């Protein structure tokens, strides 16, 4: 799972930077590097979306296991 978490984090960083560049400068880095509407760029966009879904599911699992520090202290 550790490798999947790292891969998802990297893809989310790529996606976040791409959206930041697009929102700020109307510059799509993925399309510039891989070609607009190319099969490879579509795969990258799909992987970023799947990484976000994976992290959302992982986050909900983490929250269910999380216990506030104040609740675990006795006395």
C-alpha atoms as a PDB file:
ATOM      1  CA  UNK A   1       0.000   0.000   0.000  1.00  0.00           C
ATOM      2  CA  UNK A   2       2.892   2.365   0.635  1.00  0.00           C
ATOM      3  CA  UNK A   3       3.867   2.417  -3.060  1.00  0.00           C
ATOM      4  CA  UNK A   4       0.254   3.099  -4.044  1.00  0.00           C
ATOM      5  CA  UNK A   5       0.052   5.955  -1.537  1.00  0.00           C
ATOM      6  CA  UNK A   6       3.235   7.523  -2.939  1.00  0.00           C
ATOM      7  CA  UNK A   7       2.025   7.124  -6.529  1.00  0.00           C
ATOM      8  CA  UNK A   8      -1.333   8.664  -5.657  1.00  0.00           C
ATOM      9  CA  UNK A   9       0.383  11.573  -3.905  1.00  0.00           C
ATOM     10  CA  UNK A  10       2.647  12.218  -6.903  1.00  0.00           C
ATOM     11  CA  UNK A  11      -0.302  12.138  -9.294  1.00  0.00           C
ATOM     12  CA  UNK A  12      -2.270  14.511  -7.080  1.00  0.00           C
ATOM     13  CA  UNK A  13       0.669  16.914  -6.970  1.00  0.00           C
ATOM     14  CA  UNK A  14       0.921  16.801 -10.764  1.00  0.00           C
ATOM     15  CA  UNK A  15      -2.818  17.387 -11.050  1.00  0.00           C
ATOM     16  CA  UNK A  16      -2.782  20.188  -8.498  1.00  0.00           C
ATOM     17  CA  UNK A  17       0.114  21.958 -10.176  1.00  0.00           C
ATOM     18  CA  UNK A  18      -1.554  21.568 -13.553  1.00  0.00           C
ATOM     19  CA  UNK A  19      -4.808  23.063 -12.249  1.00  0.00           C
ATOM     20  CA  UNK A  20      -2.887  25.868 -10.553  1.00  0.00           C
ATOM     21  CA  UNK A  21      -1.083  26.728 -13.770  1.00  0.00           C
ATOM     22  CA  UNK A  22      -4.286  26.499 -15.743  1.00  0.00           C
ATOM     23  CA  UNK A  23      -6.201  28.695 -13.316  1.00  0.00           C
ATOM     24  CA  UNK A  24      -3.428  31.264 -13.061  1.00  0.00           C
ATOM     25  CA  UNK A  25      -2.084  31.435 -16.582  1.00  0.00           C
ATOM     26  CA  UNK A  26      -4.485  29.358 -18.712  1.00  0.00           C
ATOM     27  CA  UNK A  27      -1.541  27.010 -19.314  1.00  0.00           C
ATOM     28  CA  UNK A  28      -2.169  23.247 -19.413  1.00  0.00           C
ATOM     29  CA  UNK A  29       1.202  21.643 -18.636  1.00  0.00           C
ATOM     30  CA  UNK A  30       0.047  18.081 -19.302  1.00  0.00           C
ATOM     31  CA  UNK A  31      -1.348  19.002 -22.720  1.00  0.00           C
ATOM     32  CA  UNK A  32       1.790  20.992 -23.529  1.00  0.00           C
ATOM     33  CA  UNK A  33       4.108  18.110 -22.635  1.00  0.00           C
ATOM     34  CA  UNK A  34       2.034  15.219 -23.976  1.00  0.00           C
ATOM     35  CA  UNK A  35      -0.126  16.832 -26.656  1.00  0.00           C
ATOM     36  CA  UNK A  36      -3.616  18.265 -26.368  1.00  0.00           C
ATOM     37  CA  UNK A  37      -6.286  15.559 -26.382  1.00  0.00           C
ATOM     38  CA  UNK A  38      -3.660  12.860 -26.988  1.00  0.00           C
ATOM     39  CA  UNK A  39      -4.213   9.367 -25.665  1.00  0.00           C
ATOM     40  CA  UNK A  40      -1.291   9.757 -23.259  1.00  0.00           C
ATOM     41  CA  UNK A  41      -2.577  13.027 -21.798  1.00  0.00           C
ATOM     42  CA  UNK A  42      -6.028  11.479 -21.365  1.00  0.00           C
ATOM     43  CA  UNK A  43      -4.430   8.582 -19.478  1.00  0.00           C
ATOM     44  CA  UNK A  44      -2.620  11.057 -17.204  1.00  0.00           C
ATOM     45  CA  UNK A  45      -5.888  12.899 -16.512  1.00  0.00           C
ATOM     46  CA  UNK A  46      -7.610   9.563 -15.804  1.00  0.00           C
ATOM     47  CA  UNK A  47      -4.823   8.488 -13.436  1.00  0.00           C
ATOM     48  CA  UNK A  48      -5.003  11.796 -11.569  1.00  0.00           C
ATOM     49  CA  UNK A  49      -8.749  11.310 -11.155  1.00  0.00           C
ATOM     50  CA  UNK A  50      -8.283   7.745  -9.934  1.00  0.00           C
ATOM     51  CA  UNK A  51      -5.598   8.919  -7.515  1.00  0.00           C
ATOM     52  CA  UNK A  52      -8.028  11.470  -6.094  1.00  0.00           C
ATOM     53  CA  UNK A  53     -10.666   8.767  -5.687  1.00  0.00           C
ATOM     54  CA  UNK A  54      -8.133   6.465  -4.019  1.00  0.00           C
ATOM     55  CA  UNK A  55      -7.062   9.207  -1.594  1.00  0.00           C
ATOM     56  CA  UNK A  56     -10.688  10.076  -0.798  1.00  0.00           C
ATOM     57  CA  UNK A  57     -11.432   6.446   0.081  1.00  0.00           C
ATOM     58  CA  UNK A  58      -8.183   6.153   2.037  1.00  0.00           C
ATOM     59  CA  UNK A  59      -8.956   9.355   3.917  1.00  0.00           C
ATOM     60  CA  UNK A  60     -12.333   8.066   5.045  1.00  0.00           C
ATOM     61  CA  UNK A  61     -10.691   4.838   6.280  1.00  0.00           C
ATOM     62  CA  UNK A  62      -8.059   6.843   8.174  1.00  0.00           C
ATOM     63  CA  UNK A  63     -10.702   9.033   9.793  1.00  0.00           C
ATOM     64  CA  UNK A  64     -12.589   5.986  11.050  1.00  0.00           C
ATOM     65  CA  UNK A  65      -9.432   4.676  12.766  1.00  0.00           C
ATOM     66  CA  UNK A  66      -8.313   8.056  14.097  1.00  0.00           C
ATOM     67  CA  UNK A  67      -8.731   8.688  17.820  1.00  0.00           C
ATOM     68  CA  UNK A  68      -8.172  12.205  19.124  1.00  0.00           C
ATOM     69  CA  UNK A  69      -5.134  12.472  21.411  1.00  0.00           C
ATOM     70  CA  UNK A  70      -7.267  13.877  24.241  1.00  0.00           C
ATOM     71  CA  UNK A  71      -9.571  10.843  24.125  1.00  0.00           C
ATOM     72  CA  UNK A  72      -6.738   8.359  24.478  1.00  0.00           C
ATOM     73  CA  UNK A  73      -5.213  10.006  27.580  1.00  0.00           C
ATOM     74  CA  UNK A  74      -6.364   8.779  30.949  1.00  0.00           C
ATOM     75  CA  UNK A  75      -6.241  10.787  34.137  1.00  0.00           C
END
